[in-house]
Amino acid sequence: MSRWHIAGRSLRALEAITDGLPAGKAPEFDTRGPTERLRSITLPASDKDSHVDFCVATGAWPIAAFWSAHAFLAMAGVLSGGGGGWLLWLAAGLFGVLRQTSNVMRINQHRVLVREGLAGRAERKIELHQISSIWVQQGATGRALNIGRVGMQLINGEVVWGPVIGHPTRAKRAIAVAVSRRTASN
């Protein structure tokens, strides 16, 4: 293996560590639970009259705060005369902050843009007409801190996981409203 291949694999491993929340498989689609089948969504009267058709959900601030504290403690170790181990901690902390602040999910009237990775390295645009179901993945800690992932199942059966973001239920609701408006206008 070349050095670049090993470095790329190590970078992906570090990205997975600093991501904050593992993505799971798609939930079972039944009549109960957090999954919404988008074709059957009807808008309440208050949503029909609103002109909010754009939502931006960014990275999870609690995870970024954790990595900031991590970097701050490592910087204190470096300034007190620590060696290379503290520098490695500092680099991991700064990498974690950059990773979390790069996570973005944009919802507009045409598509969902999912951007994640180091400095938004991985980007995917999903047209609204391709989305058939959406759900939010949150554990107990995620519900308490209001962070989680938005999962989307496309019409072709593919499952797309968004990055860890703050206010994932708001993003889910924005996607549902955007898809409903799109199908109502067609």
N, C-alpha and C. Protein backbone atom coordinates (compact mmCIF):
# COMPACT_ATOMS: atom_id res chain seq x y z
N MET A 1 0.84 -1.19 0.00
CA MET A 1 0.00 0.00 0.00
C MET A 1 0.88 1.25 0.00
N SER A 2 0.42 2.24 -0.73
CA SER A 2 1.17 3.48 -0.78
C SER A 2 0.92 4.30 0.49
N ARG A 3 1.76 5.27 0.71
CA ARG A 3 1.61 6.13 1.88
C ARG A 3 0.33 6.95 1.79
N TRP A 4 -0.06 7.37 0.58
CA TRP A 4 -1.27 8.16 0.41
C TRP A 4 -2.51 7.33 0.73
N HIS A 5 -2.49 6.05 0.36
CA HIS A 5 -3.62 5.17 0.66
C HIS A 5 -3.77 4.99 2.17
N ILE A 6 -2.65 4.79 2.85
CA ILE A 6 -2.67 4.63 4.32
C ILE A 6 -3.12 5.92 4.98
N ALA A 7 -2.62 7.07 4.48
CA ALA A 7 -3.02 8.36 5.05
C ALA A 7 -4.50 8.62 4.84
N GLY A 8 -5.03 8.28 3.66
CA GLY A 8 -6.46 8.46 3.39
C GLY A 8 -7.31 7.59 4.28
N ARG A 9 -6.89 6.35 4.51
CA ARG A 9 -7.62 5.45 5.40
C ARG A 9 -7.58 5.96 6.84
N SER A 10 -6.45 6.48 7.26
CA SER A 10 -6.35 7.05 8.61
C SER A 10 -7.23 8.28 8.75
N LEU A 11 -7.29 9.11 7.72
CA LEU A 11 -8.14 10.30 7.75
C LEU A 11 -9.62 9.92 7.84
N ARG A 12 -10.04 8.90 7.10
CA ARG A 12 -11.43 8.43 7.19
C ARG A 12 -11.73 7.87 8.58
N ALA A 13 -10.76 7.19 9.18
CA ALA A 13 -10.97 6.67 10.54
C ALA A 13 -11.10 7.81 11.54
N LEU A 14 -10.29 8.85 11.40
CA LEU A 14 -10.37 10.00 12.29
C LEU A 14 -11.69 10.75 12.08
N GLU A 15 -12.16 10.83 10.83
CA GLU A 15 -13.45 11.45 10.56
C GLU A 15 -14.58 10.68 11.24
N ALA A 16 -14.50 9.36 11.20
CA ALA A 16 -15.53 8.54 11.84
C ALA A 16 -15.54 8.75 13.35
N ILE A 17 -14.37 8.92 13.95
CA ILE A 17 -14.30 9.14 15.40
C ILE A 17 -14.88 10.50 15.76
N THR A 18 -14.59 11.52 14.98
CA THR A 18 -15.03 12.86 15.31
C THR A 18 -16.45 13.15 14.84
N ASP A 19 -17.09 12.22 14.16
CA ASP A 19 -18.44 12.43 13.65
C ASP A 19 -19.43 12.59 14.79
N GLY A 20 -19.34 11.77 15.81
CA GLY A 20 -20.17 11.97 16.99
C GLY A 20 -21.30 11.00 17.17
N LEU A 21 -21.81 10.37 16.13
CA LEU A 21 -22.97 9.51 16.26
C LEU A 21 -22.94 8.50 15.12
N PRO A 22 -22.99 7.21 15.41
CA PRO A 22 -22.95 6.24 14.32
C PRO A 22 -24.27 6.23 13.55
N ALA A 23 -24.18 6.03 12.26
CA ALA A 23 -25.39 5.89 11.45
C ALA A 23 -25.80 4.43 11.47
N GLY A 24 -27.06 4.20 11.66
CA GLY A 24 -27.57 2.84 11.68
C GLY A 24 -28.24 2.48 10.38
N LYS A 25 -28.91 1.35 10.39
CA LYS A 25 -29.66 0.96 9.20
C LYS A 25 -31.02 1.64 9.23
N ALA A 26 -31.71 1.57 8.14
CA ALA A 26 -33.03 2.20 8.06
C ALA A 26 -33.98 1.52 9.03
N PRO A 27 -34.86 2.28 9.66
CA PRO A 27 -35.80 1.66 10.60
C PRO A 27 -36.85 0.85 9.86
N GLU A 28 -37.52 0.00 10.60
CA GLU A 28 -38.62 -0.76 10.02
C GLU A 28 -39.76 0.20 9.73
N PHE A 29 -40.32 0.11 8.56
CA PHE A 29 -41.41 0.99 8.18
C PHE A 29 -42.74 0.33 8.52
N ASP A 30 -43.33 0.78 9.62
CA ASP A 30 -44.63 0.26 10.01
C ASP A 30 -45.54 1.44 10.34
N THR A 31 -46.69 1.19 10.88
CA THR A 31 -47.64 2.26 11.12
C THR A 31 -47.30 3.08 12.35
N ARG A 32 -46.46 2.58 13.22
CA ARG A 32 -46.06 3.33 14.41
C ARG A 32 -44.61 3.71 14.29
N GLY A 33 -44.21 4.77 14.98
CA GLY A 33 -42.81 5.14 15.01
C GLY A 33 -42.55 6.47 14.34
N PRO A 34 -41.26 6.85 14.25
CA PRO A 34 -40.89 8.19 13.82
C PRO A 34 -40.82 8.37 12.30
N THR A 35 -41.06 7.32 11.52
CA THR A 35 -40.89 7.42 10.08
C THR A 35 -42.12 8.03 9.44
N GLU A 36 -41.91 8.91 8.49
CA GLU A 36 -43.01 9.53 7.77
C GLU A 36 -42.95 9.09 6.32
N ARG A 37 -44.05 8.57 5.81
CA ARG A 37 -44.18 8.32 4.38
C ARG A 37 -44.62 9.63 3.76
N LEU A 38 -43.82 10.15 2.87
CA LEU A 38 -44.05 11.53 2.44
C LEU A 38 -45.22 11.70 1.48
N ARG A 39 -45.65 10.68 0.81
CA ARG A 39 -46.74 10.85 -0.14
C ARG A 39 -48.07 11.12 0.55
N SER A 40 -48.20 10.75 1.81
CA SER A 40 -49.48 10.91 2.49
C SER A 40 -49.50 12.12 3.42
N ILE A 41 -48.50 12.97 3.39
CA ILE A 41 -48.46 14.12 4.29
C ILE A 41 -49.41 15.20 3.78
N THR A 42 -50.23 15.71 4.66
CA THR A 42 -51.07 16.86 4.34
C THR A 42 -50.64 18.02 5.21
N LEU A 43 -50.67 19.21 4.66
CA LEU A 43 -50.22 20.37 5.40
C LEU A 43 -51.33 20.97 6.24
N PRO A 44 -51.04 21.32 7.48
CA PRO A 44 -52.00 22.09 8.26
C PRO A 44 -52.15 23.48 7.65
N ALA A 45 -53.25 24.14 7.98
CA ALA A 45 -53.53 25.47 7.40
C ALA A 45 -52.42 26.47 7.71
N SER A 46 -51.81 26.38 8.89
CA SER A 46 -50.78 27.35 9.25
C SER A 46 -49.55 27.20 8.37
N ASP A 47 -49.20 25.97 7.95
CA ASP A 47 -48.04 25.77 7.09
C ASP A 47 -48.31 26.19 5.66
N LYS A 48 -49.56 26.09 5.19
CA LYS A 48 -49.88 26.48 3.83
C LYS A 48 -49.72 27.98 3.64
N ASP A 49 -49.99 28.75 4.68
CA ASP A 49 -49.92 30.19 4.57
C ASP A 49 -48.51 30.74 4.81
N SER A 50 -47.64 29.94 5.39
CA SER A 50 -46.30 30.46 5.69
C SER A 50 -45.45 30.45 4.42
N HIS A 51 -44.48 31.33 4.38
CA HIS A 51 -43.60 31.42 3.22
C HIS A 51 -42.21 30.89 3.55
N VAL A 52 -42.08 30.11 4.60
CA VAL A 52 -40.80 29.54 4.98
C VAL A 52 -40.58 28.27 4.17
N ASP A 53 -39.75 28.36 3.18
CA ASP A 53 -39.47 27.19 2.36
C ASP A 53 -37.98 26.89 2.30
N PHE A 54 -37.22 27.38 3.26
CA PHE A 54 -35.78 27.19 3.28
C PHE A 54 -35.34 26.97 4.72
N CYS A 55 -34.56 25.95 4.93
CA CYS A 55 -34.07 25.62 6.28
C CYS A 55 -32.60 25.22 6.16
N VAL A 56 -31.80 25.65 7.10
CA VAL A 56 -30.40 25.26 7.17
C VAL A 56 -30.14 24.69 8.56
N ALA A 57 -29.72 23.45 8.60
CA ALA A 57 -29.34 22.81 9.87
C ALA A 57 -27.84 22.60 9.84
N THR A 58 -27.15 23.03 10.89
CA THR A 58 -25.69 22.94 10.93
C THR A 58 -25.24 21.89 11.93
N GLY A 59 -23.94 21.71 12.02
CA GLY A 59 -23.35 20.70 12.89
C GLY A 59 -23.79 20.83 14.34
N ALA A 60 -23.62 19.77 15.08
CA ALA A 60 -24.07 19.69 16.46
C ALA A 60 -23.11 20.46 17.37
N TRP A 61 -23.61 21.53 17.99
CA TRP A 61 -22.76 22.35 18.86
C TRP A 61 -22.25 21.60 20.08
N PRO A 62 -23.00 20.65 20.70
CA PRO A 62 -22.41 19.97 21.87
C PRO A 62 -21.18 19.14 21.51
N ILE A 63 -21.20 18.53 20.33
CA ILE A 63 -20.04 17.75 19.92
C ILE A 63 -18.87 18.68 19.58
N ALA A 64 -19.16 19.80 18.92
CA ALA A 64 -18.11 20.78 18.64
C ALA A 64 -17.55 21.35 19.94
N ALA A 65 -18.40 21.58 20.94
CA ALA A 65 -17.92 22.09 22.24
C ALA A 65 -17.03 21.05 22.92
N PHE A 66 -17.39 19.77 22.81
CA PHE A 66 -16.55 18.72 23.38
C PHE A 66 -15.17 18.75 22.74
N TRP A 67 -15.11 18.82 21.40
CA TRP A 67 -13.82 18.83 20.73
C TRP A 67 -13.07 20.13 20.99
N SER A 68 -13.79 21.24 21.20
CA SER A 68 -13.12 22.50 21.56
C SER A 68 -12.46 22.38 22.92
N ALA A 69 -13.17 21.79 23.88
CA ALA A 69 -12.58 21.57 25.21
C ALA A 69 -11.38 20.64 25.12
N HIS A 70 -11.50 19.64 24.27
CA HIS A 70 -10.41 18.70 24.03
C HIS A 70 -9.17 19.46 23.52
N ALA A 71 -9.37 20.33 22.52
CA ALA A 71 -8.27 21.10 21.96
C ALA A 71 -7.71 22.09 22.99
N PHE A 72 -8.58 22.71 23.79
CA PHE A 72 -8.14 23.66 24.80
C PHE A 72 -7.24 22.98 25.85
N LEU A 73 -7.67 21.81 26.32
CA LEU A 73 -6.84 21.07 27.29
C LEU A 73 -5.52 20.64 26.67
N ALA A 74 -5.55 20.25 25.40
CA ALA A 74 -4.30 19.86 24.73
C ALA A 74 -3.38 21.06 24.58
N MET A 75 -3.95 22.23 24.28
CA MET A 75 -3.14 23.45 24.16
C MET A 75 -2.49 23.79 25.50
N ALA A 76 -3.24 23.60 26.57
CA ALA A 76 -2.66 23.83 27.90
C ALA A 76 -1.50 22.87 28.15
N GLY A 77 -1.65 21.63 27.71
CA GLY A 77 -0.56 20.66 27.85
C GLY A 77 0.66 21.04 27.03
N VAL A 78 0.44 21.55 25.83
CA VAL A 78 1.56 21.96 24.97
C VAL A 78 2.27 23.17 25.58
N LEU A 79 1.48 24.15 26.07
CA LEU A 79 2.09 25.36 26.64
C LEU A 79 2.82 25.10 27.95
N SER A 80 2.45 24.02 28.65
CA SER A 80 3.15 23.70 29.89
C SER A 80 4.39 22.85 29.65
N GLY A 81 4.76 22.69 28.38
CA GLY A 81 6.00 21.98 28.07
C GLY A 81 5.80 20.54 27.65
N GLY A 82 4.58 20.18 27.34
CA GLY A 82 4.30 18.81 26.90
C GLY A 82 4.88 18.54 25.52
N GLY A 83 4.97 17.29 25.18
CA GLY A 83 5.59 16.91 23.93
C GLY A 83 4.60 16.60 22.82
N GLY A 84 4.98 15.66 21.97
CA GLY A 84 4.23 15.33 20.78
C GLY A 84 2.86 14.75 21.04
N GLY A 85 2.68 14.09 22.18
CA GLY A 85 1.37 13.53 22.51
C GLY A 85 0.32 14.61 22.64
N TRP A 86 0.70 15.72 23.27
CA TRP A 86 -0.23 16.84 23.41
C TRP A 86 -0.53 17.48 22.06
N LEU A 87 0.48 17.53 21.19
CA LEU A 87 0.25 18.07 19.85
C LEU A 87 -0.73 17.21 19.07
N LEU A 88 -0.64 15.89 19.25
CA LEU A 88 -1.58 14.99 18.60
C LEU A 88 -2.99 15.21 19.13
N TRP A 89 -3.14 15.38 20.43
CA TRP A 89 -4.45 15.68 21.03
C TRP A 89 -4.99 17.00 20.49
N LEU A 90 -4.10 18.00 20.37
CA LEU A 90 -4.52 19.30 19.85
C LEU A 90 -5.01 19.15 18.41
N ALA A 91 -4.28 18.41 17.60
CA ALA A 91 -4.69 18.22 16.20
C ALA A 91 -6.03 17.48 16.13
N ALA A 92 -6.22 16.47 16.96
CA ALA A 92 -7.49 15.74 16.96
C ALA A 92 -8.64 16.64 17.40
N GLY A 93 -8.40 17.49 18.39
CA GLY A 93 -9.44 18.41 18.85
C GLY A 93 -9.82 19.42 17.80
N LEU A 94 -8.82 20.01 17.14
CA LEU A 94 -9.10 20.98 16.09
C LEU A 94 -9.78 20.32 14.90
N PHE A 95 -9.37 19.11 14.58
CA PHE A 95 -10.00 18.35 13.50
C PHE A 95 -11.47 18.08 13.83
N GLY A 96 -11.75 17.71 15.07
CA GLY A 96 -13.13 17.45 15.49
C GLY A 96 -14.01 18.68 15.40
N VAL A 97 -13.48 19.84 15.80
CA VAL A 97 -14.24 21.08 15.70
C VAL A 97 -14.52 21.41 14.23
N LEU A 98 -13.51 21.31 13.38
CA LEU A 98 -13.68 21.59 11.97
C LEU A 98 -14.67 20.62 11.34
N ARG A 99 -14.61 19.37 11.75
CA ARG A 99 -15.52 18.34 11.22
C ARG A 99 -16.97 18.68 11.57
N GLN A 100 -17.24 19.05 12.81
CA GLN A 100 -18.61 19.34 13.22
C GLN A 100 -19.13 20.64 12.63
N THR A 101 -18.28 21.64 12.51
CA THR A 101 -18.75 22.91 11.95
C THR A 101 -18.93 22.83 10.44
N SER A 102 -18.41 21.79 9.80
CA SER A 102 -18.58 21.61 8.36
C SER A 102 -19.87 20.89 8.00
N ASN A 103 -20.54 20.28 8.97
CA ASN A 103 -21.77 19.55 8.69
C ASN A 103 -22.91 20.53 8.42
N VAL A 104 -23.55 20.40 7.27
CA VAL A 104 -24.65 21.27 6.89
C VAL A 104 -25.70 20.46 6.15
N MET A 105 -26.95 20.75 6.45
CA MET A 105 -28.06 20.19 5.69
C MET A 105 -28.95 21.35 5.29
N ARG A 106 -29.04 21.63 3.98
CA ARG A 106 -29.86 22.73 3.46
C ARG A 106 -31.08 22.16 2.75
N ILE A 107 -32.22 22.72 3.07
CA ILE A 107 -33.46 22.29 2.45
C ILE A 107 -34.08 23.50 1.76
N ASN A 108 -34.33 23.37 0.46
CA ASN A 108 -35.05 24.43 -0.24
C ASN A 108 -36.20 23.81 -1.02
N GLN A 109 -36.84 24.57 -1.87
CA GLN A 109 -38.05 24.09 -2.53
C GLN A 109 -37.76 23.07 -3.63
N HIS A 110 -36.49 22.82 -3.96
CA HIS A 110 -36.15 21.90 -5.03
C HIS A 110 -35.37 20.67 -4.58
N ARG A 111 -34.51 20.85 -3.56
CA ARG A 111 -33.62 19.75 -3.20
C ARG A 111 -33.15 19.86 -1.76
N VAL A 112 -32.53 18.77 -1.32
CA VAL A 112 -31.86 18.73 -0.01
C VAL A 112 -30.37 18.59 -0.30
N LEU A 113 -29.58 19.49 0.26
CA LEU A 113 -28.13 19.44 0.12
C LEU A 113 -27.56 18.92 1.43
N VAL A 114 -26.82 17.83 1.35
CA VAL A 114 -26.19 17.22 2.52
C VAL A 114 -24.69 17.38 2.35
N ARG A 115 -24.06 18.12 3.27
CA ARG A 115 -22.62 18.36 3.20
C ARG A 115 -22.01 17.95 4.52
N GLU A 116 -21.00 17.10 4.46
CA GLU A 116 -20.32 16.66 5.68
C GLU A 116 -18.87 16.36 5.37
N GLY A 117 -18.13 16.03 6.39
CA GLY A 117 -16.72 15.72 6.22
C GLY A 117 -15.86 16.91 6.54
N LEU A 118 -14.58 16.71 6.41
CA LEU A 118 -13.62 17.76 6.70
C LEU A 118 -13.80 18.88 5.69
N ALA A 119 -14.19 20.04 6.17
CA ALA A 119 -14.43 21.23 5.35
C ALA A 119 -15.47 20.97 4.27
N GLY A 120 -16.47 20.16 4.57
CA GLY A 120 -17.55 19.90 3.62
C GLY A 120 -17.11 19.09 2.42
N ARG A 121 -16.18 18.17 2.65
CA ARG A 121 -15.57 17.39 1.57
C ARG A 121 -16.59 16.53 0.82
N ALA A 122 -17.52 15.92 1.54
CA ALA A 122 -18.53 15.06 0.91
C ALA A 122 -19.84 15.85 0.79
N GLU A 123 -20.32 15.98 -0.43
CA GLU A 123 -21.54 16.74 -0.67
C GLU A 123 -22.45 15.93 -1.58
N ARG A 124 -23.74 15.96 -1.25
CA ARG A 124 -24.71 15.24 -2.07
C ARG A 124 -25.98 16.07 -2.18
N LYS A 125 -26.49 16.18 -3.40
CA LYS A 125 -27.75 16.89 -3.64
C LYS A 125 -28.81 15.85 -3.94
N ILE A 126 -29.91 15.92 -3.20
CA ILE A 126 -31.01 14.98 -3.37
C ILE A 126 -32.25 15.77 -3.78
N GLU A 127 -32.76 15.46 -4.95
CA GLU A 127 -33.97 16.12 -5.41
C GLU A 127 -35.15 15.68 -4.55
N LEU A 128 -36.07 16.60 -4.27
CA LEU A 128 -37.19 16.29 -3.38
C LEU A 128 -38.08 15.18 -3.92
N HIS A 129 -38.24 15.08 -5.23
CA HIS A 129 -39.11 14.05 -5.78
C HIS A 129 -38.53 12.65 -5.63
N GLN A 130 -37.26 12.53 -5.25
CA GLN A 130 -36.63 11.23 -5.04
C GLN A 130 -36.86 10.69 -3.63
N ILE A 131 -37.29 11.51 -2.69
CA ILE A 131 -37.41 11.11 -1.29
C ILE A 131 -38.77 10.48 -1.05
N SER A 132 -38.76 9.27 -0.46
CA SER A 132 -40.04 8.61 -0.16
C SER A 132 -40.33 8.56 1.33
N SER A 133 -39.31 8.51 2.18
CA SER A 133 -39.50 8.46 3.64
C SER A 133 -38.37 9.19 4.33
N ILE A 134 -38.69 9.75 5.50
CA ILE A 134 -37.65 10.39 6.31
C ILE A 134 -37.87 10.02 7.77
N TRP A 135 -36.81 10.08 8.55
CA TRP A 135 -36.89 9.81 9.98
C TRP A 135 -35.70 10.47 10.67
N VAL A 136 -35.76 10.55 11.97
CA VAL A 136 -34.68 11.12 12.77
C VAL A 136 -34.13 10.03 13.68
N GLN A 137 -32.81 9.93 13.74
CA GLN A 137 -32.16 8.99 14.65
C GLN A 137 -31.55 9.79 15.80
N GLN A 138 -32.07 9.56 17.00
CA GLN A 138 -31.56 10.21 18.20
C GLN A 138 -31.61 9.20 19.34
N GLY A 139 -30.57 9.19 20.14
CA GLY A 139 -30.60 8.43 21.37
C GLY A 139 -31.11 9.32 22.49
N ALA A 140 -31.04 8.83 23.72
CA ALA A 140 -31.49 9.62 24.86
C ALA A 140 -30.65 10.89 25.03
N THR A 141 -29.34 10.76 24.87
CA THR A 141 -28.46 11.93 24.97
C THR A 141 -28.73 12.89 23.82
N GLY A 142 -28.96 12.35 22.63
CA GLY A 142 -29.26 13.20 21.48
C GLY A 142 -30.55 13.98 21.66
N ARG A 143 -31.57 13.35 22.25
CA ARG A 143 -32.82 14.06 22.52
C ARG A 143 -32.60 15.16 23.56
N ALA A 144 -31.79 14.87 24.57
CA ALA A 144 -31.54 15.87 25.61
C ALA A 144 -30.76 17.07 25.06
N LEU A 145 -29.82 16.83 24.15
CA LEU A 145 -29.00 17.90 23.58
C LEU A 145 -29.56 18.42 22.25
N ASN A 146 -30.63 17.81 21.77
CA ASN A 146 -31.27 18.18 20.50
C ASN A 146 -30.32 18.04 19.32
N ILE A 147 -29.64 16.88 19.24
CA ILE A 147 -28.78 16.57 18.11
C ILE A 147 -29.17 15.21 17.58
N GLY A 148 -28.86 14.95 16.34
CA GLY A 148 -29.15 13.65 15.75
C GLY A 148 -28.90 13.66 14.26
N ARG A 149 -29.31 12.58 13.61
CA ARG A 149 -29.17 12.41 12.17
C ARG A 149 -30.54 12.34 11.53
N VAL A 150 -30.64 12.84 10.33
CA VAL A 150 -31.85 12.69 9.53
C VAL A 150 -31.55 11.61 8.50
N GLY A 151 -32.40 10.61 8.46
CA GLY A 151 -32.28 9.54 7.48
C GLY A 151 -33.35 9.70 6.42
N MET A 152 -33.01 9.41 5.18
CA MET A 152 -33.95 9.51 4.08
C MET A 152 -33.88 8.25 3.24
N GLN A 153 -35.04 7.72 2.91
CA GLN A 153 -35.07 6.60 1.98
C GLN A 153 -35.56 7.14 0.64
N LEU A 154 -34.81 6.85 -0.40
CA LEU A 154 -35.17 7.33 -1.72
C LEU A 154 -36.13 6.36 -2.39
N ILE A 155 -36.72 6.80 -3.46
CA ILE A 155 -37.69 5.97 -4.18
C ILE A 155 -37.07 4.67 -4.66
N ASN A 156 -35.79 4.69 -5.03
CA ASN A 156 -35.12 3.48 -5.51
C ASN A 156 -34.69 2.55 -4.38
N GLY A 157 -35.02 2.89 -3.12
CA GLY A 157 -34.69 2.03 -1.97
C GLY A 157 -33.41 2.39 -1.26
N GLU A 158 -32.61 3.28 -1.82
CA GLU A 158 -31.35 3.68 -1.19
C GLU A 158 -31.63 4.48 0.08
N VAL A 159 -30.83 4.23 1.11
CA VAL A 159 -30.93 4.96 2.37
C VAL A 159 -29.78 5.96 2.44
N VAL A 160 -30.11 7.23 2.66
CA VAL A 160 -29.12 8.30 2.75
C VAL A 160 -29.18 8.86 4.17
N TRP A 161 -28.04 8.87 4.84
CA TRP A 161 -27.95 9.44 6.18
C TRP A 161 -27.34 10.82 6.11
N GLY A 162 -27.95 11.76 6.76
CA GLY A 162 -27.38 13.09 6.87
C GLY A 162 -26.33 13.10 7.97
N PRO A 163 -25.56 14.18 8.06
CA PRO A 163 -24.57 14.28 9.13
C PRO A 163 -25.23 14.54 10.48
N VAL A 164 -24.46 14.49 11.53
CA VAL A 164 -24.98 14.83 12.86
C VAL A 164 -25.20 16.35 12.87
N ILE A 165 -26.44 16.75 13.17
CA ILE A 165 -26.80 18.17 13.14
C ILE A 165 -27.56 18.53 14.40
N GLY A 166 -27.65 19.81 14.67
CA GLY A 166 -28.52 20.32 15.71
C GLY A 166 -29.92 20.48 15.15
N HIS A 167 -30.92 20.29 15.97
CA HIS A 167 -32.33 20.43 15.59
C HIS A 167 -32.72 19.51 14.43
N PRO A 168 -32.49 18.21 14.55
CA PRO A 168 -32.81 17.33 13.42
C PRO A 168 -34.32 17.20 13.16
N THR A 169 -35.16 17.35 14.18
CA THR A 169 -36.60 17.25 13.94
C THR A 169 -37.10 18.45 13.14
N ARG A 170 -36.48 19.62 13.33
CA ARG A 170 -36.84 20.78 12.53
C ARG A 170 -36.46 20.56 11.07
N ALA A 171 -35.30 19.95 10.84
CA ALA A 171 -34.88 19.65 9.47
C ALA A 171 -35.81 18.62 8.83
N LYS A 172 -36.21 17.62 9.61
CA LYS A 172 -37.14 16.61 9.11
C LYS A 172 -38.46 17.25 8.72
N ARG A 173 -38.95 18.13 9.55
CA ARG A 173 -40.22 18.82 9.27
C ARG A 173 -40.09 19.70 8.03
N ALA A 174 -38.96 20.38 7.86
CA ALA A 174 -38.74 21.22 6.68
C ALA A 174 -38.73 20.38 5.41
N ILE A 175 -38.13 19.20 5.47
CA ILE A 175 -38.12 18.31 4.31
C ILE A 175 -39.54 17.86 3.99
N ALA A 176 -40.30 17.48 5.04
CA ALA A 176 -41.67 17.04 4.83
C ALA A 176 -42.53 18.15 4.20
N VAL A 177 -42.37 19.37 4.69
CA VAL A 177 -43.14 20.49 4.14
C VAL A 177 -42.71 20.76 2.70
N ALA A 178 -41.40 20.74 2.43
CA ALA A 178 -40.92 21.01 1.07
C ALA A 178 -41.41 19.95 0.09
N VAL A 179 -41.39 18.68 0.49
CA VAL A 179 -41.87 17.62 -0.38
C VAL A 179 -43.37 17.76 -0.60
N SER A 180 -44.10 18.09 0.46
CA SER A 180 -45.56 18.27 0.34
C SER A 180 -45.90 19.42 -0.60
N ARG A 181 -45.18 20.50 -0.49
CA ARG A 181 -45.43 21.64 -1.38
C ARG A 181 -45.09 21.30 -2.81
N ARG A 182 -44.03 20.55 -2.98
CA ARG A 182 -43.60 20.17 -4.33
C ARG A 182 -44.63 19.27 -4.98
N THR A 183 -45.14 18.27 -4.22
CA THR A 183 -46.13 17.37 -4.78
C THR A 183 -47.46 18.07 -4.97
N ALA A 184 -47.78 19.06 -4.13
CA ALA A 184 -49.04 19.79 -4.28
C ALA A 184 -49.01 20.68 -5.51
N SER A 185 -47.83 21.22 -5.84
CA SER A 185 -47.75 22.11 -6.99
C SER A 185 -47.67 21.35 -8.30
N ASN A 186 -47.32 20.06 -8.27
CA ASN A 186 -47.22 19.27 -9.51
C ASN A 186 -48.52 18.68 -9.92
